Amino acid sequence: MWILYLIGIYIVGSLIVSFVKSIIEKHRQKVRDRVANDFFQNTDIDSKVEISKKKLSNIVFYKKIDPPTRISSWEYSKLPKYAQKIVNSVCPSCNEGYLKVGYIRNRFGTAPTSFYCDKKTECNYKISFKKAKEEFENKNTESFKTDFNQAYS
């Protein structure tokens, strides 16, 4: 019988605590609203929002790249982020083939070492992971700079 009393007290206590928390949060929200109204009373917030929207509309946002179908998903998930964006992209040499990952076998298993064009007979393009990472980072830095300059110029 005393267990039912303890359970009842626990339930009533938790209801009281959640009720008090909701009251406190409502009070905090009222204070935030009052401070925001006092702060922004003499400013034209709508014009500032429109200016910010115009600046942000110039930035090109890229969609998340889905795992390519040319390699298995477990193989794709093991690659670093930059490699996931490079693999399955169009070959910069022949513009026909797609880049795949080249592996080397060692005593610990296989390890990715390079990217190569999947049209091996026609195109001999091959680039190491290290060089591909440098090119990828430089390309991203340049595209970020141009987007940033477009947005805030």
Protein backbone atom coordinates (compact mmCIF):
# COMPACT_ATOMS: atom_id res chain seq x y z
CA MET A 1 0.00 0.00 0.00
CA TRP A 2 2.79 2.39 0.86
CA ILE A 3 4.31 1.76 -2.59
CA LEU A 4 1.18 3.19 -4.21
CA TYR A 5 1.48 6.27 -2.01
CA LEU A 6 5.12 6.73 -3.09
CA ILE A 7 4.20 6.32 -6.75
CA GLY A 8 1.38 8.85 -6.36
CA ILE A 9 3.66 11.33 -4.63
CA TYR A 10 6.26 10.89 -7.39
CA ILE A 11 3.69 11.47 -10.15
CA VAL A 12 2.18 14.51 -8.43
CA GLY A 13 5.66 15.90 -7.77
CA SER A 14 6.74 15.51 -11.39
CA LEU A 15 3.53 17.20 -12.59
CA ILE A 16 4.14 20.12 -10.23
CA VAL A 17 7.75 20.44 -11.40
CA SER A 18 6.77 20.43 -15.09
CA PHE A 19 4.02 23.00 -14.41
CA VAL A 20 6.47 25.30 -12.59
CA LYS A 21 9.01 24.91 -15.42
CA SER A 22 6.42 25.91 -18.01
CA ILE A 23 5.43 28.98 -15.97
CA ILE A 24 9.10 30.00 -15.61
CA GLU A 25 9.71 29.53 -19.36
CA LYS A 26 6.64 31.66 -20.23
CA HIS A 27 7.93 34.39 -17.92
CA ARG A 28 11.38 34.24 -19.53
CA GLN A 29 9.84 34.50 -22.99
CA LYS A 30 7.85 37.59 -21.92
CA VAL A 31 11.06 39.18 -20.63
CA ARG A 32 12.86 38.36 -23.92
CA ASP A 33 10.01 39.86 -25.94
CA ARG A 34 9.97 43.00 -23.79
CA VAL A 35 13.75 43.47 -24.14
CA ALA A 36 13.57 42.90 -27.92
CA ASN A 37 10.72 45.41 -28.27
CA ASP A 38 12.60 48.01 -26.22
CA PHE A 39 15.82 47.43 -28.17
CA PHE A 40 14.30 47.44 -31.66
CA GLN A 41 11.72 50.14 -31.01
CA ASN A 42 13.67 52.89 -32.78
CA THR A 43 15.14 50.74 -35.56
CA ASP A 44 13.58 49.75 -38.84
CA ILE A 45 14.05 46.00 -38.57
CA ASP A 46 12.14 45.19 -41.78
CA SER A 47 14.60 47.12 -43.94
CA LYS A 48 17.54 45.41 -42.24
CA VAL A 49 15.95 42.01 -42.87
CA GLU A 50 15.42 42.84 -46.54
CA ILE A 51 19.05 43.98 -46.93
CA SER A 52 20.27 40.74 -45.34
CA LYS A 53 17.99 38.67 -47.60
CA LYS A 54 19.40 40.39 -50.69
CA LYS A 55 22.96 39.71 -49.55
CA LEU A 56 22.23 36.06 -48.80
CA SER A 57 20.37 35.50 -52.06
CA ASN A 58 23.64 35.90 -53.98
CA ILE A 59 25.25 32.94 -52.23
CA VAL A 60 24.92 29.65 -54.06
CA PHE A 61 24.06 26.81 -51.70
CA TYR A 62 25.03 23.33 -52.79
CA LYS A 63 22.89 20.26 -52.29
CA LYS A 64 24.17 17.31 -50.33
CA ILE A 65 25.76 14.79 -52.63
CA ASP A 66 24.14 11.37 -52.53
CA PRO A 67 26.40 8.33 -52.49
CA PRO A 68 27.26 7.43 -56.06
CA THR A 69 25.93 4.26 -57.56
CA ARG A 70 29.23 3.35 -59.21
CA ILE A 71 30.81 2.26 -55.90
CA SER A 72 29.25 0.41 -52.99
CA SER A 73 27.81 2.40 -50.12
CA TRP A 74 30.11 0.84 -47.50
CA GLU A 75 33.13 1.77 -49.61
CA TYR A 76 31.74 5.30 -50.03
CA SER A 77 31.14 5.71 -46.29
CA LYS A 78 34.77 4.82 -45.47
CA LEU A 79 36.14 7.62 -47.66
CA PRO A 80 37.01 11.04 -46.18
CA LYS A 81 34.53 13.87 -46.82
CA TYR A 82 36.57 15.51 -49.56
CA ALA A 83 37.00 12.15 -51.31
CA GLN A 84 33.25 11.53 -51.19
CA LYS A 85 32.77 14.75 -53.13
CA ILE A 86 35.49 13.95 -55.66
CA VAL A 87 34.58 10.33 -56.40
CA ASN A 88 32.13 9.84 -59.27
CA SER A 89 32.74 13.37 -60.57
CA VAL A 90 33.51 13.91 -64.26
CA CYS A 91 37.11 13.31 -65.23
CA PRO A 92 38.85 16.68 -65.77
CA SER A 93 41.08 15.21 -68.46
CA CYS A 94 38.66 13.57 -70.90
CA ASN A 95 35.30 14.99 -69.66
CA GLU A 96 33.67 11.64 -70.44
CA GLY A 97 34.69 9.21 -67.71
CA TYR A 98 34.06 9.33 -63.99
CA LEU A 99 36.62 9.31 -61.21
CA LYS A 100 36.95 6.12 -59.21
CA VAL A 101 39.06 5.24 -56.18
CA GLY A 102 42.29 3.31 -56.65
CA TYR A 103 43.37 1.00 -53.84
CA ILE A 104 46.62 -0.57 -52.78
CA ARG A 105 46.80 -3.85 -50.91
CA ASN A 106 49.05 -4.00 -47.86
CA ARG A 107 49.39 -6.30 -44.86
CA PHE A 108 46.55 -4.50 -43.04
CA GLY A 109 44.09 -4.84 -45.92
CA THR A 110 43.34 -2.35 -48.67
CA ALA A 111 43.85 1.40 -48.51
CA PRO A 112 42.69 4.10 -50.95
CA THR A 113 45.62 5.83 -52.65
CA SER A 114 44.43 7.66 -55.74
CA PHE A 115 41.61 8.63 -58.06
CA TYR A 116 41.58 7.43 -61.66
CA CYS A 117 39.32 7.74 -64.68
CA ASP A 118 37.08 4.72 -65.23
CA LYS A 119 37.86 4.83 -68.97
CA LYS A 120 41.34 3.39 -68.50
CA THR A 121 41.83 2.42 -72.13
CA GLU A 122 41.15 5.90 -73.51
CA CYS A 123 42.18 8.17 -70.61
CA ASN A 124 45.22 7.81 -68.37
CA TYR A 125 44.18 10.42 -65.75
CA LYS A 126 45.31 9.57 -62.22
CA ILE A 127 45.75 11.80 -59.18
CA SER A 128 46.92 10.96 -55.66
CA PHE A 129 44.73 11.47 -52.61
CA LYS A 130 47.08 14.12 -51.21
CA LYS A 131 47.11 16.21 -54.39
CA ALA A 132 43.35 15.78 -54.85
CA LYS A 133 42.76 17.00 -51.29
CA GLU A 134 44.89 20.11 -51.90
CA GLU A 135 43.07 20.90 -55.14
CA PHE A 136 39.69 20.32 -53.50
CA GLU A 137 40.52 22.61 -50.56
CA ASN A 138 41.83 25.33 -52.90
CA LYS A 139 38.73 25.08 -55.08
CA ASN A 140 36.43 25.31 -52.03
CA THR A 141 38.36 28.25 -50.61
CA GLU A 142 38.15 30.13 -53.89
CA SER A 143 34.43 29.41 -54.33
CA PHE A 144 33.76 30.53 -50.75
CA LYS A 145 35.69 33.75 -51.31
CA THR A 146 33.78 34.55 -54.50
CA ASP A 147 30.41 33.77 -52.88
CA PHE A 148 31.31 35.86 -49.84
CA ASN A 149 32.48 38.78 -51.99
CA GLN A 150 29.29 38.62 -54.07
CA ALA A 151 27.12 38.61 -50.98
CA TYR A 152 28.89 41.40 -49.09
CA SER A 153 30.04 43.76 -51.83
